[in-house]
N, C-alpha and C. Protein backbone atom coordinates (compact mmCIF):
# COMPACT_ATOMS: atom_id res chain seq x y z
N MET A 1 0.81 -1.23 -0.01
CA MET A 1 0.01 -0.05 0.12
C MET A 1 0.82 1.17 -0.02
N ASP A 2 1.90 1.30 0.90
CA ASP A 2 2.75 2.41 0.98
C ASP A 2 3.47 2.63 -0.33
N ILE A 3 3.86 1.47 -1.08
CA ILE A 3 4.54 1.66 -2.28
C ILE A 3 3.65 2.31 -3.41
N ASN A 4 2.38 1.82 -3.44
CA ASN A 4 1.33 2.36 -4.26
C ASN A 4 1.11 3.85 -4.06
N ILE A 5 0.99 4.20 -2.85
CA ILE A 5 0.68 5.69 -2.57
C ILE A 5 2.00 6.52 -3.03
N GLU A 6 3.21 5.94 -2.80
CA GLU A 6 4.33 6.69 -3.30
C GLU A 6 4.37 6.87 -4.80
N CYS A 7 3.93 5.84 -5.54
CA CYS A 7 3.91 5.84 -7.08
C CYS A 7 2.88 6.84 -7.43
N LEU A 8 1.67 6.95 -6.78
CA LEU A 8 0.75 7.89 -7.11
C LEU A 8 1.23 9.33 -6.89
N GLU A 9 1.90 9.49 -5.73
CA GLU A 9 2.43 10.86 -5.42
C GLU A 9 3.53 11.25 -6.42
N GLY A 10 4.37 10.17 -6.80
CA GLY A 10 5.40 10.40 -7.79
C GLY A 10 4.83 10.77 -9.21
N GLN A 11 3.61 10.15 -9.61
CA GLN A 11 3.11 10.48 -10.82
C GLN A 11 2.50 11.94 -10.72
N GLU A 12 1.92 12.24 -9.75
CA GLU A 12 1.47 13.70 -9.56
C GLU A 12 2.51 14.71 -9.71
N LYS A 13 3.63 14.49 -8.99
CA LYS A 13 4.76 15.32 -9.07
C LYS A 13 5.28 15.43 -10.43
N LEU A 14 5.55 14.32 -11.18
CA LEU A 14 6.05 14.33 -12.54
C LEU A 14 5.06 15.08 -13.37
N LEU A 15 3.76 14.90 -13.27
CA LEU A 15 2.84 15.67 -14.24
C LEU A 15 2.92 17.13 -13.88
N ASN A 16 3.14 17.50 -12.67
CA ASN A 16 3.28 18.80 -12.21
C ASN A 16 4.48 19.45 -12.91
N ILE A 17 5.63 18.71 -12.89
CA ILE A 17 6.90 19.12 -13.50
C ILE A 17 6.60 19.27 -15.02
N LEU A 18 6.15 18.34 -15.58
CA LEU A 18 5.80 18.45 -17.09
C LEU A 18 4.99 19.62 -17.53
N GLU A 19 3.91 19.82 -16.61
CA GLU A 19 3.08 21.09 -16.91
C GLU A 19 3.88 22.30 -16.85
N SER A 20 4.81 22.43 -15.91
CA SER A 20 5.67 23.62 -15.80
C SER A 20 6.71 23.69 -16.89
N TYR A 21 7.24 22.59 -17.36
CA TYR A 21 8.09 22.39 -18.40
C TYR A 21 7.63 22.86 -19.62
N PHE A 22 6.37 22.41 -20.02
CA PHE A 22 5.78 22.60 -21.32
C PHE A 22 5.25 24.09 -21.27
N ARG A 23 4.83 24.57 -20.23
CA ARG A 23 4.32 25.97 -20.01
C ARG A 23 5.48 26.99 -20.51
N ASN A 24 6.70 26.70 -20.01
CA ASN A 24 7.86 27.45 -20.23
C ASN A 24 8.33 27.13 -21.81
N ALA A 25 8.16 25.93 -22.18
CA ALA A 25 8.54 25.57 -23.55
C ALA A 25 7.62 26.43 -24.55
N ALA A 26 6.53 26.72 -24.24
CA ALA A 26 5.60 27.54 -25.13
C ALA A 26 6.13 28.97 -25.38
N LYS A 27 6.86 29.28 -24.34
CA LYS A 27 7.34 30.84 -24.53
C LYS A 27 8.92 30.81 -24.68
N TYR A 28 9.50 29.61 -24.89
CA TYR A 28 11.02 29.71 -25.00
C TYR A 28 11.56 29.64 -26.40
N HIS A 29 12.22 30.79 -26.69
CA HIS A 29 12.77 30.99 -28.00
C HIS A 29 14.31 31.23 -27.69
N PRO A 30 15.06 30.14 -27.73
CA PRO A 30 16.48 30.21 -27.34
C PRO A 30 17.25 30.82 -28.52
N GLU A 31 18.36 31.44 -27.89
CA GLU A 31 19.42 31.96 -28.90
C GLU A 31 20.09 30.78 -29.53
N PRO A 32 20.57 30.86 -30.78
CA PRO A 32 21.31 29.64 -31.48
C PRO A 32 22.48 29.31 -30.53
N GLY A 33 23.22 30.22 -29.97
CA GLY A 33 24.30 29.97 -29.24
C GLY A 33 24.14 29.21 -27.96
N ASP A 34 22.79 29.06 -27.53
CA ASP A 34 22.50 28.39 -26.30
C ASP A 34 22.49 26.84 -26.40
N ALA A 35 22.53 26.41 -27.64
CA ALA A 35 22.54 24.97 -27.84
C ALA A 35 23.68 24.26 -27.08
N GLY A 36 23.20 23.25 -26.24
CA GLY A 36 24.13 22.42 -25.55
C GLY A 36 24.64 23.18 -24.28
N LYS A 37 24.20 24.39 -24.02
CA LYS A 37 24.70 25.05 -22.89
C LYS A 37 23.56 25.35 -21.77
N THR A 38 22.34 25.12 -22.08
CA THR A 38 21.30 25.07 -21.17
C THR A 38 20.67 23.84 -20.87
N THR A 39 19.98 23.78 -19.78
CA THR A 39 19.17 22.51 -19.53
C THR A 39 18.16 22.19 -20.45
N TYR A 40 17.45 23.26 -20.91
CA TYR A 40 16.26 23.15 -21.92
C TYR A 40 16.78 22.69 -23.30
N PHE A 41 17.87 23.39 -23.58
CA PHE A 41 18.28 23.28 -25.04
C PHE A 41 19.50 22.35 -25.05
N SER A 42 19.25 21.11 -24.86
CA SER A 42 20.34 20.23 -24.93
C SER A 42 19.81 18.82 -24.77
N SER A 43 20.85 17.72 -24.73
CA SER A 43 20.35 16.31 -24.61
C SER A 43 19.67 16.16 -23.21
N VAL A 44 20.03 17.10 -22.34
CA VAL A 44 19.38 16.84 -20.95
C VAL A 44 17.81 17.05 -21.09
N GLY A 45 17.53 18.24 -21.76
CA GLY A 45 15.99 18.60 -21.94
C GLY A 45 15.31 17.40 -22.73
N SER A 46 16.06 16.95 -23.75
CA SER A 46 15.50 15.95 -24.67
C SER A 46 15.12 14.57 -23.91
N SER A 47 16.29 14.35 -23.13
CA SER A 47 16.14 13.05 -22.26
C SER A 47 15.08 13.13 -21.21
N PHE A 48 14.87 14.33 -20.68
CA PHE A 48 13.80 14.58 -19.68
C PHE A 48 12.54 14.19 -20.37
N VAL A 49 12.19 14.76 -21.54
CA VAL A 49 10.89 14.50 -22.24
C VAL A 49 10.73 12.96 -22.38
N SER A 50 11.67 12.31 -22.95
CA SER A 50 11.52 10.85 -23.26
C SER A 50 11.43 10.06 -21.94
N ASP A 51 12.31 10.40 -21.06
CA ASP A 51 12.20 9.50 -19.78
C ASP A 51 10.96 9.74 -19.00
N SER A 52 10.34 11.02 -19.06
CA SER A 52 9.07 11.22 -18.50
C SER A 52 8.02 10.42 -19.11
N ALA A 53 8.02 10.46 -20.44
CA ALA A 53 7.00 9.63 -21.30
C ALA A 53 7.13 8.10 -20.81
N ASN A 54 8.43 7.63 -20.87
CA ASN A 54 8.75 6.23 -20.45
C ASN A 54 8.18 5.89 -19.06
N THR A 55 8.28 6.86 -18.14
CA THR A 55 7.93 6.52 -16.76
C THR A 55 6.48 6.46 -16.73
N LEU A 56 5.66 7.34 -17.44
CA LEU A 56 4.28 7.41 -17.31
C LEU A 56 3.59 6.19 -18.04
N ILE A 57 4.32 5.64 -19.05
CA ILE A 57 3.83 4.58 -19.72
C ILE A 57 3.83 3.40 -18.79
N LYS A 58 4.74 3.31 -17.92
CA LYS A 58 4.90 2.08 -17.06
C LYS A 58 4.02 2.09 -15.89
N LEU A 59 3.40 3.25 -15.60
CA LEU A 59 2.52 3.43 -14.42
C LEU A 59 1.06 3.34 -14.85
N ARG A 60 0.36 2.98 -13.93
CA ARG A 60 -1.24 2.97 -13.99
C ARG A 60 -1.74 4.13 -13.26
N PRO A 61 -2.24 5.15 -13.96
CA PRO A 61 -2.70 6.35 -13.35
C PRO A 61 -4.14 6.11 -12.75
N THR A 62 -4.50 6.77 -11.69
CA THR A 62 -5.78 6.86 -11.11
C THR A 62 -6.50 7.70 -12.05
N SER A 63 -7.94 7.86 -12.02
CA SER A 63 -8.72 8.67 -12.81
C SER A 63 -8.42 10.14 -12.74
N PRO A 64 -8.21 10.78 -11.49
CA PRO A 64 -7.77 12.13 -11.43
C PRO A 64 -6.43 12.29 -12.15
N LEU A 65 -5.50 11.38 -11.99
CA LEU A 65 -4.18 11.64 -12.51
C LEU A 65 -4.26 11.51 -14.23
N PHE A 66 -5.15 10.51 -14.58
CA PHE A 66 -5.41 10.34 -16.01
C PHE A 66 -5.93 11.58 -16.55
N SER A 67 -6.88 12.38 -15.86
CA SER A 67 -7.51 13.59 -16.35
C SER A 67 -6.46 14.72 -16.34
N GLN A 68 -5.60 14.74 -15.25
CA GLN A 68 -4.57 15.70 -15.23
C GLN A 68 -3.65 15.58 -16.49
N HIS A 69 -3.28 14.37 -16.87
CA HIS A 69 -2.50 14.09 -18.12
C HIS A 69 -3.26 14.62 -19.34
N GLU A 70 -4.47 14.19 -19.41
CA GLU A 70 -5.32 14.62 -20.62
C GLU A 70 -5.33 16.41 -20.62
N ASN A 71 -5.43 16.91 -19.51
CA ASN A 71 -5.37 18.32 -19.52
C ASN A 71 -3.99 18.96 -20.00
N LEU A 72 -2.99 18.20 -19.73
CA LEU A 72 -1.59 18.66 -20.24
C LEU A 72 -1.63 18.43 -21.71
N LEU A 73 -2.06 17.49 -22.27
CA LEU A 73 -2.11 17.25 -23.79
C LEU A 73 -3.04 18.37 -24.39
N GLN A 74 -4.19 18.54 -23.72
CA GLN A 74 -5.04 19.67 -24.31
C GLN A 74 -4.40 20.92 -24.38
N SER A 75 -3.56 21.38 -23.36
CA SER A 75 -2.88 22.59 -23.21
C SER A 75 -1.86 22.65 -24.32
N LEU A 76 -1.14 21.53 -24.62
CA LEU A 76 -0.15 21.51 -25.71
C LEU A 76 -0.79 21.84 -27.08
N ALA A 77 -1.88 21.17 -27.33
CA ALA A 77 -2.64 21.30 -28.58
C ALA A 77 -2.99 22.75 -28.77
N ALA A 78 -3.49 23.36 -27.75
CA ALA A 78 -3.96 24.70 -27.75
C ALA A 78 -2.78 25.72 -27.97
N SER A 79 -1.51 25.48 -27.34
CA SER A 79 -0.45 26.24 -27.53
C SER A 79 0.09 26.13 -29.01
N LEU A 80 0.00 24.97 -29.58
CA LEU A 80 0.49 24.77 -30.91
C LEU A 80 -0.36 25.58 -31.98
N HIS A 81 -1.69 25.48 -31.63
CA HIS A 81 -2.67 26.22 -32.48
C HIS A 81 -2.61 27.71 -32.37
N ASP A 82 -2.08 28.26 -31.26
CA ASP A 82 -2.10 29.58 -30.97
C ASP A 82 -0.89 30.40 -31.68
N LEU A 83 -1.04 30.50 -33.06
CA LEU A 83 0.02 31.15 -33.78
C LEU A 83 -0.30 32.45 -34.04
N HIS A 84 0.57 33.45 -34.00
CA HIS A 84 0.38 34.87 -34.19
C HIS A 84 0.24 35.17 -35.70
N ASP A 85 -0.59 35.95 -36.07
CA ASP A 85 -0.66 36.29 -37.58
C ASP A 85 0.60 36.83 -38.26
N ASP A 86 1.41 37.46 -37.50
CA ASP A 86 2.56 38.04 -37.94
C ASP A 86 3.85 37.25 -37.38
N LEU A 87 4.17 36.15 -38.01
CA LEU A 87 5.19 35.24 -37.51
C LEU A 87 6.54 35.91 -37.41
N ALA A 88 6.78 37.01 -38.16
CA ALA A 88 8.02 37.62 -38.02
C ALA A 88 8.17 38.52 -36.75
N ALA A 89 7.01 39.05 -36.42
CA ALA A 89 6.83 39.83 -35.19
C ALA A 89 6.86 39.01 -33.89
N GLN A 90 6.24 37.85 -34.04
CA GLN A 90 6.03 36.97 -32.93
C GLN A 90 6.45 35.54 -33.43
N PRO A 91 7.63 35.01 -33.20
CA PRO A 91 7.91 33.76 -33.70
C PRO A 91 7.19 32.62 -33.28
N PRO A 92 7.00 31.59 -34.07
CA PRO A 92 6.16 30.41 -33.69
C PRO A 92 6.95 29.65 -32.62
N PRO A 93 6.37 28.95 -31.65
CA PRO A 93 6.94 28.16 -30.63
C PRO A 93 7.64 26.80 -31.28
N ASP A 94 8.70 27.03 -31.86
CA ASP A 94 9.43 25.81 -32.54
C ASP A 94 9.93 24.85 -31.53
N TYR A 95 10.40 25.39 -30.31
CA TYR A 95 10.88 24.56 -29.22
C TYR A 95 9.73 23.58 -28.78
N LEU A 96 8.64 24.24 -28.45
CA LEU A 96 7.38 23.55 -28.05
C LEU A 96 6.94 22.47 -29.03
N PHE A 97 7.13 22.74 -30.33
CA PHE A 97 6.71 21.79 -31.37
C PHE A 97 7.73 20.54 -31.37
N PHE A 98 9.03 20.74 -31.16
CA PHE A 98 9.97 19.61 -31.08
C PHE A 98 9.69 18.84 -29.84
N ALA A 99 9.49 19.59 -28.60
CA ALA A 99 9.19 18.90 -27.38
C ALA A 99 7.99 18.16 -27.43
N SER A 100 7.01 18.69 -27.98
CA SER A 100 5.63 18.03 -27.99
C SER A 100 5.76 16.71 -28.94
N LEU A 101 6.49 16.93 -30.10
CA LEU A 101 6.69 15.77 -31.07
C LEU A 101 7.35 14.69 -30.29
N SER A 102 8.52 14.96 -29.65
CA SER A 102 9.25 13.91 -28.95
C SER A 102 8.40 13.19 -27.92
N TYR A 103 7.71 13.96 -27.15
CA TYR A 103 6.87 13.39 -26.11
C TYR A 103 5.82 12.51 -26.60
N VAL A 104 5.06 13.01 -27.62
CA VAL A 104 4.02 12.21 -28.26
C VAL A 104 4.39 10.94 -28.96
N ASP A 105 5.51 11.16 -29.76
CA ASP A 105 6.04 10.08 -30.47
C ASP A 105 6.58 9.02 -29.64
N TYR A 106 6.97 9.26 -28.51
CA TYR A 106 7.49 8.24 -27.54
C TYR A 106 6.20 7.33 -27.15
N PHE A 107 4.97 7.91 -26.85
CA PHE A 107 3.88 7.19 -26.58
C PHE A 107 3.42 6.36 -27.78
N LEU A 108 3.58 6.89 -28.99
CA LEU A 108 3.10 6.15 -30.26
C LEU A 108 4.12 4.90 -30.52
N ARG A 109 5.33 5.10 -30.08
CA ARG A 109 6.37 4.06 -30.40
C ARG A 109 6.12 2.87 -29.25
N TYR A 110 5.96 3.28 -28.08
CA TYR A 110 6.30 2.34 -26.98
C TYR A 110 5.05 2.00 -26.09
N ASP A 111 3.89 2.76 -26.24
CA ASP A 111 2.74 2.53 -25.39
C ASP A 111 1.78 1.61 -26.02
N LEU A 112 1.99 0.31 -25.95
CA LEU A 112 1.18 -0.61 -26.67
C LEU A 112 -0.30 -0.56 -26.36
N ASP A 113 -0.68 -0.15 -25.21
CA ASP A 113 -1.95 0.00 -24.79
C ASP A 113 -2.54 1.29 -25.33
N GLY A 114 -1.81 2.22 -25.47
CA GLY A 114 -2.32 3.58 -25.97
C GLY A 114 -3.35 4.18 -25.18
N ARG A 115 -3.26 4.06 -23.79
CA ARG A 115 -4.45 4.55 -23.10
C ARG A 115 -4.67 6.13 -23.21
N ILE A 116 -3.49 6.86 -23.18
CA ILE A 116 -3.71 8.20 -23.19
C ILE A 116 -3.73 8.75 -24.67
N ILE A 117 -2.73 8.20 -25.52
CA ILE A 117 -2.61 8.78 -26.87
C ILE A 117 -3.85 8.40 -27.88
N LYS A 118 -4.58 7.37 -27.51
CA LYS A 118 -5.72 7.04 -28.35
C LYS A 118 -7.12 7.78 -27.93
N THR A 119 -6.96 8.52 -27.00
CA THR A 119 -8.16 9.26 -26.57
C THR A 119 -8.42 10.43 -27.64
N ASP A 120 -9.51 11.11 -27.56
CA ASP A 120 -9.83 12.10 -28.50
C ASP A 120 -8.82 13.28 -28.12
N ILE A 121 -8.49 13.48 -26.95
CA ILE A 121 -7.56 14.71 -26.70
C ILE A 121 -6.12 14.31 -27.23
N GLY A 122 -5.75 12.95 -27.17
CA GLY A 122 -4.46 12.56 -27.59
C GLY A 122 -4.40 12.71 -29.08
N ARG A 123 -5.51 12.33 -29.69
CA ARG A 123 -5.50 12.53 -31.19
C ARG A 123 -5.56 13.99 -31.63
N ASN A 124 -6.30 14.75 -30.90
CA ASN A 124 -6.19 16.21 -31.24
C ASN A 124 -4.87 16.84 -31.14
N LEU A 125 -4.08 16.37 -30.10
CA LEU A 125 -2.75 16.83 -30.01
C LEU A 125 -1.84 16.36 -31.22
N ILE A 126 -2.10 15.05 -31.57
CA ILE A 126 -1.32 14.64 -32.87
C ILE A 126 -1.72 15.54 -33.97
N LEU A 127 -2.99 15.76 -34.23
CA LEU A 127 -3.41 16.60 -35.35
C LEU A 127 -2.86 17.96 -35.29
N ALA A 128 -2.66 18.47 -34.07
CA ALA A 128 -2.15 19.79 -33.80
C ALA A 128 -0.61 19.93 -34.24
N ILE A 129 0.03 18.70 -34.00
CA ILE A 129 1.46 18.69 -34.30
C ILE A 129 1.54 18.68 -35.90
N LEU A 130 0.81 17.81 -36.49
CA LEU A 130 0.71 17.82 -38.07
C LEU A 130 0.44 19.11 -38.66
N GLN A 131 -0.64 19.85 -38.07
CA GLN A 131 -0.94 21.10 -38.53
C GLN A 131 0.09 22.13 -38.38
N TYR A 132 0.75 22.14 -37.32
CA TYR A 132 1.91 23.08 -37.01
C TYR A 132 3.09 22.84 -37.97
N HIS A 133 3.24 21.63 -38.27
CA HIS A 133 4.38 21.34 -39.27
C HIS A 133 3.91 21.68 -40.64
N ALA A 134 2.65 21.53 -40.98
CA ALA A 134 2.13 21.97 -42.24
C ALA A 134 2.25 23.52 -42.53
N ALA A 135 1.94 24.25 -41.35
CA ALA A 135 2.03 25.69 -41.46
C ALA A 135 3.42 26.29 -41.19
N CYS A 136 4.33 25.73 -40.41
CA CYS A 136 5.58 26.18 -40.17
C CYS A 136 6.80 25.42 -40.48
N GLY A 137 6.62 24.15 -41.19
CA GLY A 137 7.61 23.29 -41.40
C GLY A 137 8.81 23.80 -42.23
N ALA A 138 8.48 24.66 -43.13
CA ALA A 138 9.49 25.17 -43.97
C ALA A 138 10.39 26.08 -43.31
N GLN A 139 9.95 26.75 -42.07
CA GLN A 139 10.77 27.69 -41.40
C GLN A 139 11.15 27.12 -40.01
N LEU A 140 11.11 25.82 -39.86
CA LEU A 140 11.39 25.32 -38.52
C LEU A 140 13.02 25.59 -38.22
N ARG A 141 13.26 25.95 -37.01
CA ARG A 141 14.51 26.35 -36.62
C ARG A 141 15.46 24.97 -36.65
N ARG A 142 16.52 24.95 -37.44
CA ARG A 142 17.27 23.82 -37.63
C ARG A 142 18.20 23.65 -36.35
N ASP A 143 18.49 24.89 -35.62
CA ASP A 143 19.32 24.66 -34.53
C ASP A 143 18.73 24.07 -33.31
N ILE A 144 17.29 24.20 -33.27
CA ILE A 144 16.55 23.49 -32.18
C ILE A 144 16.44 21.93 -32.58
N GLU A 145 16.28 21.75 -33.85
CA GLU A 145 16.31 20.41 -34.40
C GLU A 145 17.50 19.70 -34.07
N GLU A 146 18.64 20.40 -34.37
CA GLU A 146 19.89 19.70 -34.21
C GLU A 146 20.36 19.66 -32.60
N GLY A 147 20.21 20.82 -31.84
CA GLY A 147 20.59 20.80 -30.60
C GLY A 147 19.72 20.28 -29.57
N PHE A 148 18.51 19.99 -29.92
CA PHE A 148 17.54 19.36 -28.96
C PHE A 148 16.96 18.04 -29.46
N HIS A 149 16.23 18.12 -30.59
CA HIS A 149 15.53 16.80 -30.95
C HIS A 149 16.50 15.76 -31.45
N ASN A 150 17.52 16.07 -32.07
CA ASN A 150 18.56 14.96 -32.57
C ASN A 150 19.54 14.53 -31.63
N THR A 151 19.56 15.06 -30.42
CA THR A 151 20.53 14.74 -29.42
C THR A 151 20.60 13.35 -28.91
N LEU A 152 19.36 12.66 -29.08
CA LEU A 152 19.15 11.28 -28.61
C LEU A 152 19.58 10.19 -29.64
N GLY A 153 19.95 10.88 -30.78
CA GLY A 153 20.42 9.80 -31.82
C GLY A 153 19.34 9.62 -32.95
N PHE A 154 18.22 10.23 -32.74
CA PHE A 154 17.16 10.04 -33.84
C PHE A 154 17.13 11.38 -34.57
N GLY A 155 17.21 11.22 -35.87
CA GLY A 155 17.29 12.50 -36.84
C GLY A 155 15.80 12.80 -37.17
N PHE A 156 15.54 14.02 -37.17
CA PHE A 156 14.14 14.66 -37.52
C PHE A 156 13.74 14.13 -38.82
N GLU A 157 14.64 14.08 -39.86
CA GLU A 157 14.34 13.76 -41.18
C GLU A 157 13.77 12.27 -41.25
N GLU A 158 14.41 11.52 -40.34
CA GLU A 158 13.85 10.07 -40.30
C GLU A 158 12.73 9.94 -39.41
N ASP A 159 12.71 10.69 -38.29
CA ASP A 159 11.61 10.65 -37.41
C ASP A 159 10.24 11.06 -37.88
N TRP A 160 10.27 12.25 -38.67
CA TRP A 160 8.93 12.81 -39.01
C TRP A 160 8.13 11.86 -39.95
N PRO A 161 8.73 11.24 -40.99
CA PRO A 161 7.86 10.36 -41.80
C PRO A 161 7.24 9.30 -40.94
N CYS A 162 8.05 8.75 -39.89
CA CYS A 162 7.63 7.69 -39.17
C CYS A 162 6.51 8.15 -38.19
N PHE A 163 6.66 9.36 -37.77
CA PHE A 163 5.58 9.92 -36.89
C PHE A 163 4.18 10.08 -37.72
N VAL A 164 4.31 10.49 -38.95
CA VAL A 164 3.22 10.68 -39.76
C VAL A 164 2.53 9.31 -40.11
N GLN A 165 3.39 8.36 -40.26
CA GLN A 165 2.79 6.94 -40.41
C GLN A 165 2.14 6.41 -39.25
N ARG A 166 2.75 6.74 -38.05
CA ARG A 166 1.95 6.23 -36.78
C ARG A 166 0.74 6.87 -36.66
N ALA A 167 0.75 8.16 -36.92
CA ALA A 167 -0.52 8.93 -36.76
C ALA A 167 -1.59 8.43 -37.69
N GLU A 168 -1.15 8.09 -38.93
CA GLU A 168 -2.15 7.49 -39.89
C GLU A 168 -2.72 6.13 -39.42
N GLY A 169 -1.82 5.42 -38.69
CA GLY A 169 -2.33 4.11 -38.03
C GLY A 169 -3.47 4.20 -37.06
N LEU A 170 -3.49 5.53 -36.44
CA LEU A 170 -4.51 5.83 -35.50
C LEU A 170 -5.65 6.55 -36.22
N GLY A 171 -5.61 6.77 -37.55
CA GLY A 171 -6.65 7.40 -38.29
C GLY A 171 -6.44 9.01 -38.19
N VAL A 172 -5.37 9.56 -37.89
CA VAL A 172 -5.14 11.01 -37.66
C VAL A 172 -4.44 11.46 -38.86
N VAL A 173 -4.95 12.19 -39.79
CA VAL A 173 -4.35 12.75 -40.91
C VAL A 173 -4.74 14.10 -41.15
N LEU A 174 -3.86 14.89 -41.95
CA LEU A 174 -4.42 16.27 -42.12
C LEU A 174 -5.64 16.35 -43.01
N PRO A 175 -6.51 17.19 -42.88
CA PRO A 175 -7.74 17.25 -43.84
C PRO A 175 -7.19 17.68 -45.10
N PRO A 176 -7.85 17.33 -46.24
CA PRO A 176 -7.53 17.69 -47.46
C PRO A 176 -7.69 19.23 -47.66
N PRO A 177 -7.01 19.91 -48.49
CA PRO A 177 -7.17 21.27 -48.82
C PRO A 177 -8.63 21.55 -49.32
N VAL A 178 -9.08 22.67 -49.07
CA VAL A 178 -10.54 23.08 -49.30
C VAL A 178 -10.42 23.05 -50.85
N ALA A 179 -11.34 22.28 -51.48
CA ALA A 179 -11.43 22.24 -52.92
C ALA A 179 -12.65 23.00 -53.49
N GLN A 180 -12.53 23.24 -54.69
CA GLN A 180 -13.80 24.14 -55.33
C GLN A 180 -14.93 23.15 -55.25
N LEU A 181 -16.16 23.83 -54.89
CA LEU A 181 -17.38 22.95 -54.79
C LEU A 181 -17.86 22.42 -56.28
N VAL A 182 -18.03 21.26 -56.34
CA VAL A 182 -18.37 20.61 -57.49
C VAL A 182 -19.95 20.28 -57.48
N ILE A 183 -20.70 20.80 -58.53
CA ILE A 183 -21.99 20.49 -58.49
C ILE A 183 -22.39 19.40 -59.44
N ASP A 184 -22.98 18.29 -59.05
CA ASP A 184 -23.09 17.23 -59.74
C ASP A 184 -24.27 17.30 -60.56
N SER A 185 -25.15 18.30 -60.27
CA SER A 185 -26.43 18.35 -61.13
C SER A 185 -26.10 19.00 -62.43
N PRO A 186 -26.95 18.80 -63.54
CA PRO A 186 -26.84 19.35 -64.77
C PRO A 186 -26.65 20.80 -64.81
N PRO A 187 -25.74 21.36 -65.71
CA PRO A 187 -25.51 22.67 -65.77
C PRO A 187 -26.90 23.49 -66.10
N LEU A 188 -27.11 24.59 -65.46
CA LEU A 188 -28.21 25.43 -65.73
C LEU A 188 -27.84 26.55 -66.74
N GLU A 189 -28.50 26.70 -67.76
CA GLU A 189 -28.31 27.67 -68.72
C GLU A 189 -29.44 28.74 -68.89
N GLY A 190 -29.20 29.90 -69.17
CA GLY A 190 -30.19 30.88 -69.39
C GLY A 190 -30.83 31.20 -68.08
N ALA A 191 -30.20 31.18 -67.02
CA ALA A 191 -30.85 31.52 -65.79
C ALA A 191 -30.95 32.98 -65.65
N GLU A 192 -32.18 33.46 -65.22
CA GLU A 192 -32.48 34.87 -64.96
C GLU A 192 -32.95 34.93 -63.55
N ILE A 193 -32.30 36.04 -62.86
CA ILE A 193 -32.68 36.29 -61.45
C ILE A 193 -33.41 37.50 -61.32
N GLN A 194 -34.50 37.54 -60.72
CA GLN A 194 -35.34 38.62 -60.47
C GLN A 194 -35.46 38.80 -58.91
N GLU A 195 -35.18 39.99 -58.47
CA GLU A 195 -35.24 40.32 -57.12
C GLU A 195 -36.44 41.22 -56.70
N GLU A 196 -37.23 40.86 -55.78
CA GLU A 196 -38.35 41.76 -55.40
C GLU A 196 -37.97 42.50 -54.23
N PRO A 197 -38.63 43.45 -53.93
CA PRO A 197 -38.31 44.40 -52.77
C PRO A 197 -38.51 43.53 -51.51
N CYS A 198 -37.69 43.95 -50.61
CA CYS A 198 -37.67 43.22 -49.24
C CYS A 198 -39.12 43.49 -48.58
N GLN A 199 -39.57 42.53 -48.01
CA GLN A 199 -40.81 42.81 -47.18
C GLN A 199 -40.44 43.50 -45.87
N PRO A 200 -41.28 44.29 -45.19
CA PRO A 200 -40.86 44.85 -43.92
C PRO A 200 -40.51 43.85 -42.93
N PHE A 201 -39.37 44.04 -42.26
CA PHE A 201 -38.89 43.21 -41.13
C PHE A 201 -38.80 41.71 -41.69
N GLY A 202 -38.53 41.52 -42.94
CA GLY A 202 -38.41 40.12 -43.50
C GLY A 202 -37.05 40.05 -44.16
N ASP A 203 -36.90 38.85 -44.63
CA ASP A 203 -35.71 38.52 -45.50
C ASP A 203 -35.96 38.84 -46.93
N ALA A 204 -35.00 39.06 -47.77
CA ALA A 204 -35.06 39.23 -49.13
C ALA A 204 -35.56 38.10 -49.95
N ILE A 205 -36.42 38.35 -50.85
CA ILE A 205 -36.99 37.06 -51.53
C ILE A 205 -36.39 37.26 -52.98
N VAL A 206 -35.77 36.01 -53.24
CA VAL A 206 -35.16 36.00 -54.67
C VAL A 206 -35.88 34.91 -55.52
N ASN A 207 -36.44 35.26 -56.50
CA ASN A 207 -37.03 34.29 -57.46
C ASN A 207 -36.02 33.93 -58.58
N VAL A 208 -35.97 32.73 -58.85
CA VAL A 208 -35.07 32.32 -59.86
C VAL A 208 -35.91 31.61 -61.00
N ARG A 209 -35.83 32.03 -62.21
CA ARG A 209 -36.37 31.31 -63.32
C ARG A 209 -35.27 30.70 -64.09
N VAL A 210 -35.44 29.44 -64.33
CA VAL A 210 -34.42 28.67 -64.98
C VAL A 210 -34.99 28.18 -66.34
N ASP A 211 -34.36 28.61 -67.49
CA ASP A 211 -34.74 27.98 -68.82
C ASP A 211 -33.57 26.99 -69.32
N THR A 212 -33.86 25.71 -69.21
CA THR A 212 -32.86 24.76 -69.66
C THR A 212 -32.92 24.54 -71.19
N LEU A 213 -31.78 24.91 -71.80
CA LEU A 213 -31.69 24.91 -73.30
C LEU A 213 -31.48 23.42 -73.65
N SER A 214 -32.18 22.95 -74.46
CA SER A 214 -32.23 21.53 -74.96
C SER A 214 -31.16 21.49 -76.19
């Protein structure tokens, strides 16, 4: 019993630390020269993310702790969606992107049960990562890729296609681009539109007379 209580307390503390870490990660825009010189921007930070995921995979959370983990994933998705209109004035959170990717990808790789990542919230986070890459992938900071993501021996160029494939395995894919509406009905020719005056306090009435040419 004492061991179980200690495990539950440990999970709660770990989730609290992760919440603090990712909250700071959303606002962290490191200088290129910081690579390998700070806890966040080094193999230490990358190891922390993967080790935390590995620990949580091995433990069975209570319902409150599971909800706390879901809240964490939900906040990550919201932060990745919260992009400024002027990316030059306010740079996108590339560090958060790589940190979230490393965290989620670890669950996709090693959590055979998929308890957290297969939830709707987990899937939404996966989609948010895919959408972030679609929006900002061409401008991703290579120094963060090299100095953080790749420090554990996995290269982003190899990891990303595998992540996309694992996401597809869960049925999470980017929605197709908006296509021009195609009308299957026969084309209407010689259409004339007559508009009558609006009725008081009512909607406009539009009469359409269609002459189909044979």
